[in-house]
Protein backbone atom coordinates (compact mmCIF):
# COMPACT_ATOMS: atom_id res chain seq x y z
CA UNK A 1 -0.06 0.32 0.21
CA UNK A 2 1.38 3.36 -0.96
CA UNK A 3 0.53 6.86 -0.37
CA UNK A 4 1.15 9.99 -1.50
CA UNK A 5 3.26 10.77 1.51
CA UNK A 6 5.16 7.56 1.49
CA UNK A 7 8.33 6.86 0.53
CA UNK A 8 8.76 5.42 -2.91
CA UNK A 9 11.27 2.48 -3.90
CA UNK A 10 14.05 3.49 -5.46
CA UNK A 11 14.37 0.42 -7.48
CA UNK A 12 11.99 -2.14 -10.14
CA UNK A 13 11.11 -4.84 -7.75
CA UNK A 14 9.73 -6.40 -11.06
CA UNK A 15 13.13 -6.51 -13.21
CA UNK A 16 14.73 -7.57 -9.69
CA UNK A 17 12.94 -10.56 -9.94
CA UNK A 18 13.13 -11.32 -13.20
CA UNK A 19 17.03 -11.14 -13.33
CA UNK A 20 16.57 -13.72 -10.33
CA UNK A 21 14.05 -16.01 -12.01
CA UNK A 22 16.22 -15.73 -15.32
CA UNK A 23 19.38 -16.65 -13.43
CA UNK A 24 18.02 -19.51 -11.86
CA UNK A 25 16.31 -20.88 -15.23
CA UNK A 26 18.92 -20.47 -17.52
CA UNK A 27 22.11 -19.65 -15.23
CA UNK A 28 23.63 -18.37 -18.37
CA UNK A 29 27.27 -16.20 -17.26
CA UNK A 30 24.77 -12.86 -18.75
CA UNK A 31 22.05 -14.16 -17.03
CA UNK A 32 23.69 -15.02 -13.57
CA UNK A 33 25.62 -11.38 -14.01
CA UNK A 34 22.63 -9.32 -14.13
CA UNK A 35 20.74 -10.73 -11.04
CA UNK A 36 24.33 -10.19 -9.25
CA UNK A 37 24.08 -6.70 -10.56
CA UNK A 38 20.92 -5.81 -8.53
CA UNK A 39 22.59 -7.18 -4.79
CA UNK A 40 24.73 -3.36 -4.39
CA UNK A 41 21.18 -1.97 -5.70
CA UNK A 42 19.02 -3.96 -3.03
CA UNK A 43 21.22 -3.38 -0.77
CA UNK A 44 21.39 0.23 -0.97
CA UNK A 45 17.41 -0.03 -0.71
CA UNK A 46 17.56 -2.16 2.43
CA UNK A 47 19.71 0.57 4.05
CA UNK A 48 17.29 3.36 2.92
CA UNK A 49 14.53 1.25 4.66
CA UNK A 50 15.86 0.75 7.67
CA UNK A 51 16.93 4.59 8.00
CA UNK A 52 13.46 5.80 6.80
CA UNK A 53 12.21 2.90 9.54
CA UNK A 54 14.59 4.05 11.92
CA UNK A 55 13.43 7.93 11.68
CA UNK A 56 9.41 6.79 12.23
CA UNK A 57 9.75 4.97 15.35
CA UNK A 58 12.16 7.92 16.54
CA UNK A 59 8.62 10.11 15.40
CA UNK A 60 6.55 7.82 16.91
CA UNK A 61 8.68 7.49 20.36
CA UNK A 62 9.03 11.12 20.69
CA UNK A 63 5.36 11.84 20.33
CA UNK A 64 4.18 8.74 22.62
CA UNK A 65 6.65 10.67 25.11
CA UNK A 66 5.38 13.87 24.58
CA UNK A 67 1.46 12.62 25.25
CA UNK A 68 2.75 10.48 28.34
CA UNK A 69 3.90 13.63 29.81
CA UNK A 70 1.46 15.01 29.11
CA UNK A 71 -0.97 13.24 30.59
CA UNK A 72 1.01 13.22 33.92
CA UNK A 73 1.35 17.40 33.90
CA UNK A 74 -2.71 17.06 33.87
CA UNK A 75 -2.82 14.45 36.65
CA UNK A 76 -0.57 16.98 38.48
CA UNK A 77 -2.84 20.04 37.81
CA UNK A 78 -0.53 22.00 35.88
CA UNK A 79 -1.17 25.09 34.31
CA UNK A 80 -1.23 23.76 30.53
CA UNK A 81 -0.93 20.09 30.51
CA UNK A 82 -0.77 20.39 26.68
CA UNK A 83 2.05 22.33 26.08
CA UNK A 84 4.84 19.36 25.34
CA UNK A 85 2.24 17.88 23.23
CA UNK A 86 1.12 20.97 21.43
CA UNK A 87 5.08 21.77 21.27
CA UNK A 88 5.85 18.30 19.73
CA UNK A 89 3.09 18.19 17.24
CA UNK A 90 4.48 22.33 16.20
CA UNK A 91 7.61 20.32 14.87
CA UNK A 92 5.98 18.23 12.20
CA UNK A 93 5.14 19.93 8.92
CA UNK A 94 1.53 20.59 8.94
CA UNK A 95 -0.82 19.80 6.09
CA UNK A 96 -1.17 22.19 3.24
CA UNK A 97 -4.76 23.60 2.47
CA UNK A 98 -4.91 21.26 -0.89
CA UNK A 99 -4.18 17.97 0.94
CA UNK A 100 -6.71 18.93 3.18
CA UNK A 101 -9.02 18.92 0.35
CA UNK A 102 -7.97 15.34 -0.34
CA UNK A 103 -8.69 14.14 3.06
CA UNK A 104 -12.62 15.91 2.68
CA UNK A 105 -11.82 18.05 5.50
CA UNK A 106 -12.93 21.65 3.90
């Protein structure tokens, strides 16, 4: 599943699969080298995916921590318990009006 905001893959997965199938089927030097040539590209895509997953986990952890801090501040009767949550949410890029319209929110 992809959305407009989801990162797009940087490689053609079908081409990689085709190269691999051809290498298994024909076992010619050309077919094998085509499959082997895909390895650096696959490793680069794996590194990119791991980096994106780490960024997403960090972002989620920060949001969860600010939610917990806001809840604790509310229980302690702080003057503005949502301050930490607002501060964390403000760091994220806001939706532009065109994106809001796509979600049926205008």
